[in-house]
Amino acid sequence: MSLSHPCAAAPLNDGDHDPVREITVDAGGIALSGLLAQPTTPPRALLIALHGGGMRAGYFHGRADPATSLLALAASCGYAALALDRPGYGHSAAQLPTGMGLSDQADRLRAAARAYRLSRSCGAGVFLVGHSMGGKAALRVASGWTDGGLLGVDVSGVGNKWSATAQRVNGRAGRLSHRMHWGPLALYPPGTFRLADALITPVPEEEAREIPDWPKAYPEVARDIRVPVRFTFAEHEQWWCSDPHTVRAMLGRLGSPLARSEHLASAGHNISLGRTARAYHLRVLAFLEECITLADTGAP
């Protein structure tokens, strides 16, 4: 695919009716692959979604079902929705064989957002969505954002204090780690794990090295975020502490004008692939609507 245009898009499959298309975006000299869904009218905003560790951008498109895909739902509500393969994943993996740390990823992702905004209409601005490691990346992107037009951040599968079990298994693979990522199998529709085979990929070395350090990094990252932020914790989240005291302290570190958390029943860590994906994605879009209103009214 030619990279002469900063954002080049192509159909996933000729002749299909999937509103989501493959795209390549220039991120300061690194080509990031991803998926794009565009509304049929000028977009009201641009949603940028960042996948978790060991996943791909397709995490946010699931079964390509317009009823559950975050990308398709966003487009149906009038938003452009761009899920990027973070640096070290997808197209950029060949250029970055050991990956890239989250701070450097954030620089590249801001560059990708800038390139996209220069080439296409983005309406009211940019709204970041991130899952797990992608949630950490989204928060880092927001903490260093200087271009204006950032509406808010919505993250899931990330907190700031490891659970007791996570402290034992952090950075190691194995059956326990797998169960912690997924939770009870009944939380996912039939065929989910066959579908996931196409999404799962190794976590790049530089990214994996940083996994244990997030609780120490979070306070500085949170302090510099100046837009609304929402955290979602799955009922069966096993990586992060989500008790009221821990969550209040976490939110209190944000420099945001609005910070909130929610708990989603009947969900495991990989929310966007589970039975509650539609409910979660609709809540994400509801928060985006709220952020647009806050930006329009200039409310603190």
Protein backbone atom coordinates (compact mmCIF):
# COMPACT_ATOMS: atom_id res chain seq x y z
CA MET A 1 0.00 0.00 0.00
CA SER A 2 1.38 3.43 -0.90
CA LEU A 3 2.25 5.73 1.99
CA SER A 4 2.39 8.89 -0.12
CA HIS A 5 -0.86 9.97 1.55
CA PRO A 6 -0.64 10.18 5.36
CA CYS A 7 -3.81 8.13 5.76
CA ALA A 8 -4.46 5.45 3.15
CA ALA A 9 -7.56 3.26 3.45
CA ALA A 10 -8.67 0.13 1.61
CA PRO A 11 -11.64 -2.26 1.93
CA LEU A 12 -11.22 -5.31 4.13
CA ASN A 13 -12.87 -7.44 1.45
CA ASP A 14 -14.06 -6.34 -1.96
CA GLY A 15 -17.81 -6.48 -2.24
CA ASP A 16 -18.60 -6.96 1.43
CA HIS A 17 -20.79 -4.61 3.48
CA ASP A 18 -18.53 -4.26 6.50
CA PRO A 19 -18.26 -0.50 7.20
CA VAL A 20 -14.76 -1.03 8.61
CA ARG A 21 -11.74 -0.66 6.33
CA GLU A 22 -8.05 -1.29 6.72
CA ILE A 23 -5.93 1.84 6.97
CA THR A 24 -2.30 2.86 7.27
CA VAL A 25 -1.41 6.08 9.09
CA ASP A 26 1.95 7.82 9.20
CA ALA A 27 3.17 8.20 12.79
CA GLY A 28 6.23 10.38 12.40
CA GLY A 29 7.93 8.11 9.89
CA ILE A 30 6.51 4.84 11.22
CA ALA A 31 3.54 3.38 9.34
CA LEU A 32 0.84 2.16 11.72
CA SER A 33 -1.81 -0.21 10.41
CA GLY A 34 -5.34 -0.19 11.71
CA LEU A 35 -9.04 -0.23 11.02
CA LEU A 36 -11.29 2.71 10.16
CA ALA A 37 -15.06 3.12 10.15
CA GLN A 38 -16.53 6.35 8.82
CA PRO A 39 -20.09 7.67 9.11
CA THR A 40 -22.18 8.48 6.06
CA THR A 41 -22.27 12.15 7.10
CA PRO A 42 -19.42 14.47 8.17
CA PRO A 43 -18.06 13.04 11.44
CA ARG A 44 -19.05 14.65 14.71
CA ALA A 45 -15.72 13.60 16.25
CA LEU A 46 -12.87 11.13 15.80
CA LEU A 47 -12.63 8.16 18.17
CA ILE A 48 -9.15 6.59 18.33
CA ALA A 49 -9.03 3.12 19.93
CA LEU A 50 -5.86 1.48 21.26
CA HIS A 51 -5.73 -2.28 21.86
CA GLY A 52 -4.16 -4.12 24.79
CA GLY A 53 -0.93 -6.06 25.03
CA GLY A 54 -0.72 -9.12 22.79
CA MET A 55 -3.78 -8.07 20.76
CA ARG A 56 -4.43 -6.18 17.51
CA ALA A 57 -6.69 -3.35 16.40
CA GLY A 58 -9.35 -5.94 15.49
CA TYR A 59 -10.08 -6.28 19.22
CA PHE A 60 -12.43 -3.32 18.80
CA HIS A 61 -14.21 -4.87 15.82
CA GLY A 62 -14.84 -8.30 17.35
CA ARG A 63 -16.98 -10.42 15.08
CA ALA A 64 -17.47 -7.59 12.60
CA ASP A 65 -21.02 -7.40 13.94
CA PRO A 66 -22.42 -3.85 13.63
CA ALA A 67 -24.43 -4.48 16.80
CA THR A 68 -21.37 -5.07 18.98
CA SER A 69 -18.31 -3.66 17.17
CA LEU A 70 -17.16 -0.40 18.76
CA LEU A 71 -16.02 0.84 15.35
CA ALA A 72 -19.30 0.08 13.59
CA LEU A 73 -21.42 1.41 16.47
CA ALA A 74 -19.41 4.64 16.55
CA ALA A 75 -19.84 5.14 12.80
CA SER A 76 -23.58 4.53 13.09
CA CYS A 77 -23.71 7.31 15.69
CA GLY A 78 -21.94 9.76 13.41
CA TYR A 79 -18.34 9.38 14.56
CA ALA A 80 -15.23 8.40 12.65
CA ALA A 81 -13.63 5.49 14.51
CA LEU A 82 -9.98 4.56 14.06
CA ALA A 83 -8.46 1.53 15.82
CA LEU A 84 -4.68 1.56 15.46
CA ASP A 85 -2.16 -1.24 15.82
CA ARG A 86 0.12 0.36 18.40
CA PRO A 87 3.85 0.74 17.56
CA GLY A 88 5.44 -2.72 17.52
CA TYR A 89 2.25 -4.41 16.34
CA GLY A 90 0.79 -5.05 12.90
CA HIS A 91 2.49 -3.26 10.02
CA SER A 92 5.10 -1.57 12.25
CA ALA A 93 6.32 -4.83 13.82
CA ALA A 94 8.90 -5.35 11.07
CA GLN A 95 10.33 -1.87 11.64
CA LEU A 96 10.18 -2.23 15.44
CA PRO A 97 11.08 -5.89 16.10
CA THR A 98 11.49 -5.30 19.87
CA GLY A 99 8.61 -2.86 20.07
CA MET A 100 8.63 0.47 21.83
CA GLY A 101 8.09 1.73 25.37
CA LEU A 102 4.80 3.43 26.24
CA SER A 103 6.22 6.96 26.41
CA ASP A 104 7.69 6.64 22.92
CA GLN A 105 4.49 4.96 21.73
CA ALA A 106 2.52 7.95 22.97
CA ASP A 107 4.70 10.32 20.92
CA ARG A 108 4.07 8.24 17.79
CA LEU A 109 0.35 7.94 18.46
CA ARG A 110 0.02 11.70 18.86
CA ALA A 111 1.83 12.05 15.53
CA ALA A 112 -0.62 9.58 13.95
CA ALA A 113 -3.58 11.53 15.31
CA ARG A 114 -2.05 14.73 13.95
CA ALA A 115 -1.55 13.19 10.50
CA TYR A 116 -5.10 11.89 10.40
CA ARG A 117 -6.56 15.25 11.48
CA LEU A 118 -4.61 17.05 8.76
CA SER A 119 -6.03 14.79 6.07
CA ARG A 120 -9.63 14.22 7.16
CA SER A 121 -12.46 15.98 8.96
CA CYS A 122 -12.67 15.14 12.67
CA GLY A 123 -15.60 17.24 13.83
CA ALA A 124 -15.43 18.42 17.44
CA GLY A 125 -12.09 16.74 18.14
CA VAL A 126 -10.44 13.52 19.26
CA PHE A 127 -11.66 11.02 21.86
CA LEU A 128 -9.27 8.30 23.05
CA VAL A 129 -10.35 4.78 23.98
CA GLY A 130 -7.86 2.28 25.37
CA HIS A 131 -7.90 -1.25 26.74
CA SER A 132 -5.32 -2.62 29.21
CA MET A 133 -1.85 -1.68 27.86
CA GLY A 134 -3.70 0.42 25.29
CA GLY A 135 -5.43 2.18 28.18
CA LYS A 136 -2.03 3.06 29.64
CA ALA A 137 -0.96 4.30 26.20
CA ALA A 138 -4.14 6.39 25.87
CA LEU A 139 -3.52 8.02 29.25
CA ARG A 140 0.08 8.78 28.23
CA VAL A 141 -1.12 10.24 24.92
CA ALA A 142 -3.52 12.50 26.81
CA SER A 143 -0.91 13.58 29.38
CA GLY A 144 1.37 14.95 26.65
CA TRP A 145 -1.32 16.29 24.30
CA THR A 146 -0.59 19.87 23.17
CA ASP A 147 -2.46 20.18 19.86
CA GLY A 148 -5.86 21.11 21.27
CA GLY A 149 -9.08 19.35 20.36
CA LEU A 150 -8.77 16.43 22.77
CA LEU A 151 -12.26 15.71 24.11
CA GLY A 152 -11.67 12.94 26.66
CA VAL A 153 -10.30 9.49 27.47
CA ASP A 154 -12.18 6.25 28.17
CA VAL A 155 -10.17 3.26 29.37
CA SER A 156 -10.92 -0.28 30.54
CA GLY A 157 -8.81 -3.10 31.93
CA VAL A 158 -6.36 -0.75 33.67
CA GLY A 159 -6.04 0.61 37.20
CA ASN A 160 -3.12 1.81 39.29
CA LYS A 161 -2.72 -0.93 41.91
CA TRP A 162 -2.06 -4.57 41.06
CA SER A 163 -4.21 -7.24 42.64
CA ALA A 164 -2.41 -9.69 44.89
CA THR A 165 -2.55 -12.39 42.22
CA ALA A 166 -1.28 -10.05 39.51
CA GLN A 167 1.77 -9.24 41.60
CA ARG A 168 2.68 -12.94 41.54
CA VAL A 169 2.22 -13.53 37.80
CA ASN A 170 3.05 -10.13 36.31
CA GLY A 171 5.19 -10.39 33.20
CA ARG A 172 4.92 -14.18 33.02
CA ALA A 173 2.85 -16.28 30.64
CA GLY A 174 0.94 -19.40 31.57
CA ARG A 175 -2.48 -20.78 32.36
CA LEU A 176 -3.08 -18.48 35.34
CA SER A 177 -2.20 -15.42 33.27
CA HIS A 178 -4.58 -16.64 30.53
CA ARG A 179 -7.43 -17.08 33.01
CA MET A 180 -6.80 -13.60 34.38
CA HIS A 181 -7.08 -12.09 30.92
CA TRP A 182 -10.34 -13.84 30.13
CA GLY A 183 -12.11 -14.80 33.35
CA PRO A 184 -14.98 -17.33 33.26
CA LEU A 185 -15.49 -18.76 29.78
CA ALA A 186 -19.27 -18.23 30.04
CA LEU A 187 -18.68 -14.48 29.78
CA TYR A 188 -17.85 -14.87 26.08
CA PRO A 189 -20.06 -15.91 23.12
CA PRO A 190 -19.40 -19.24 21.38
CA GLY A 191 -16.49 -19.06 18.97
CA THR A 192 -14.74 -16.20 20.78
CA PHE A 193 -11.49 -18.07 21.29
CA ARG A 194 -11.30 -19.20 17.66
CA LEU A 195 -11.86 -15.57 16.69
CA ALA A 196 -9.18 -14.43 19.12
CA ASP A 197 -6.55 -16.59 17.40
CA ALA A 198 -6.43 -14.02 14.61
CA LEU A 199 -6.07 -11.14 17.08
CA ILE A 200 -3.48 -12.51 19.49
CA THR A 201 0.18 -11.74 18.88
CA PRO A 202 3.32 -11.69 21.05
CA VAL A 203 3.85 -8.70 23.34
CA PRO A 204 6.93 -6.82 22.08
CA GLU A 205 9.95 -7.00 24.37
CA GLU A 206 10.27 -3.29 25.23
CA GLU A 207 6.57 -3.04 26.07
CA ALA A 208 6.62 -6.21 28.17
CA ARG A 209 9.57 -4.91 30.17
CA GLU A 210 7.47 -1.93 31.36
CA ILE A 211 4.42 -3.91 32.52
CA PRO A 212 5.31 -4.05 36.24
CA ASP A 213 6.18 -0.33 36.40
CA TRP A 214 2.77 1.21 35.71
CA PRO A 215 1.69 1.86 39.34
CA LYS A 216 4.85 3.96 39.82
CA ALA A 217 4.39 5.81 36.51
CA TYR A 218 0.67 6.52 36.91
CA PRO A 219 0.80 9.53 39.32
CA GLU A 220 2.97 11.60 36.98
CA VAL A 221 0.94 10.62 33.92
CA ALA A 222 -2.39 11.34 35.64
CA ARG A 223 -1.30 14.74 36.95
CA ASP A 224 -0.88 16.16 33.45
CA ILE A 225 -4.21 15.00 31.99
CA ARG A 226 -6.57 17.95 31.53
CA VAL A 227 -9.60 16.32 29.87
CA PRO A 228 -12.44 14.14 31.22
CA VAL A 229 -11.48 10.54 31.98
CA ARG A 230 -13.61 7.45 32.61
CA PHE A 231 -12.35 4.09 33.89
CA THR A 232 -14.36 0.87 33.52
CA PHE A 233 -13.64 -2.20 35.65
CA ALA A 234 -15.11 -5.55 34.66
CA GLU A 235 -16.85 -7.53 37.39
CA HIS A 236 -14.32 -10.33 36.88
CA GLU A 237 -11.26 -8.10 36.44
CA GLN A 238 -8.38 -9.93 38.11
CA TRP A 239 -5.37 -7.78 37.28
CA TRP A 240 -6.32 -4.61 39.12
CA CYS A 241 -7.71 -3.62 42.51
CA SER A 242 -11.02 -1.83 42.02
CA ASP A 243 -12.29 -1.40 45.58
CA PRO A 244 -13.82 2.04 46.36
CA HIS A 245 -10.84 3.32 48.36
CA THR A 246 -8.29 2.41 45.66
CA VAL A 247 -10.41 3.84 42.86
CA ARG A 248 -11.06 7.13 44.70
CA ALA A 249 -7.34 7.58 45.26
CA MET A 250 -6.63 6.76 41.61
CA LEU A 251 -9.16 9.28 40.31
CA GLY A 252 -7.91 11.89 42.77
CA ARG A 253 -4.50 11.93 41.11
CA LEU A 254 -5.93 13.07 37.78
CA GLY A 255 -5.67 16.70 36.72
CA SER A 256 -8.96 16.20 34.85
CA PRO A 257 -12.05 18.43 35.17
CA LEU A 258 -14.18 15.27 35.30
CA ALA A 259 -13.09 11.82 36.45
CA ARG A 260 -15.30 8.81 37.07
CA SER A 261 -15.25 5.05 37.25
CA GLU A 262 -17.82 2.37 36.50
CA HIS A 263 -18.10 -1.36 37.11
CA LEU A 264 -19.55 -3.59 34.39
CA ALA A 265 -21.40 -6.71 35.53
CA SER A 266 -20.92 -10.08 33.82
CA ALA A 267 -17.69 -9.01 32.15
CA GLY A 268 -14.10 -10.24 32.14
CA HIS A 269 -10.90 -8.34 31.41
CA ASN A 270 -11.37 -8.51 27.60
CA ILE A 271 -14.67 -6.63 27.70
CA SER A 272 -14.90 -5.80 24.00
CA LEU A 273 -14.93 -9.50 23.05
CA GLY A 274 -17.44 -10.57 25.69
CA ARG A 275 -21.21 -10.82 25.92
CA THR A 276 -21.34 -7.33 27.45
CA ALA A 277 -19.41 -5.72 24.58
CA ARG A 278 -22.43 -3.86 23.19
CA ALA A 279 -23.43 -2.49 26.60
CA TYR A 280 -19.87 -1.34 27.25
CA HIS A 281 -19.41 0.24 23.82
CA LEU A 282 -22.69 2.15 24.12
CA ARG A 283 -21.48 3.52 27.45
CA VAL A 284 -18.23 4.59 25.80
CA LEU A 285 -20.20 6.48 23.16
CA ALA A 286 -22.45 8.02 25.82
CA PHE A 287 -19.35 9.37 27.57
CA LEU A 288 -18.09 10.73 24.24
CA GLU A 289 -21.42 12.57 23.84
CA GLU A 290 -20.98 14.02 27.32
CA CYS A 291 -17.44 15.14 26.53
CA ILE A 292 -18.61 16.91 23.35
CA THR A 293 -21.26 18.74 25.33
CA LEU A 294 -18.71 19.79 27.96
CA ALA A 295 -16.40 21.07 25.21
CA ASP A 296 -19.25 22.93 23.46
CA THR A 297 -20.43 24.64 26.64
CA GLY A 298 -16.97 25.31 28.03
CA ALA A 299 -18.01 23.67 31.30
CA PRO A 300 -15.15 23.00 33.75
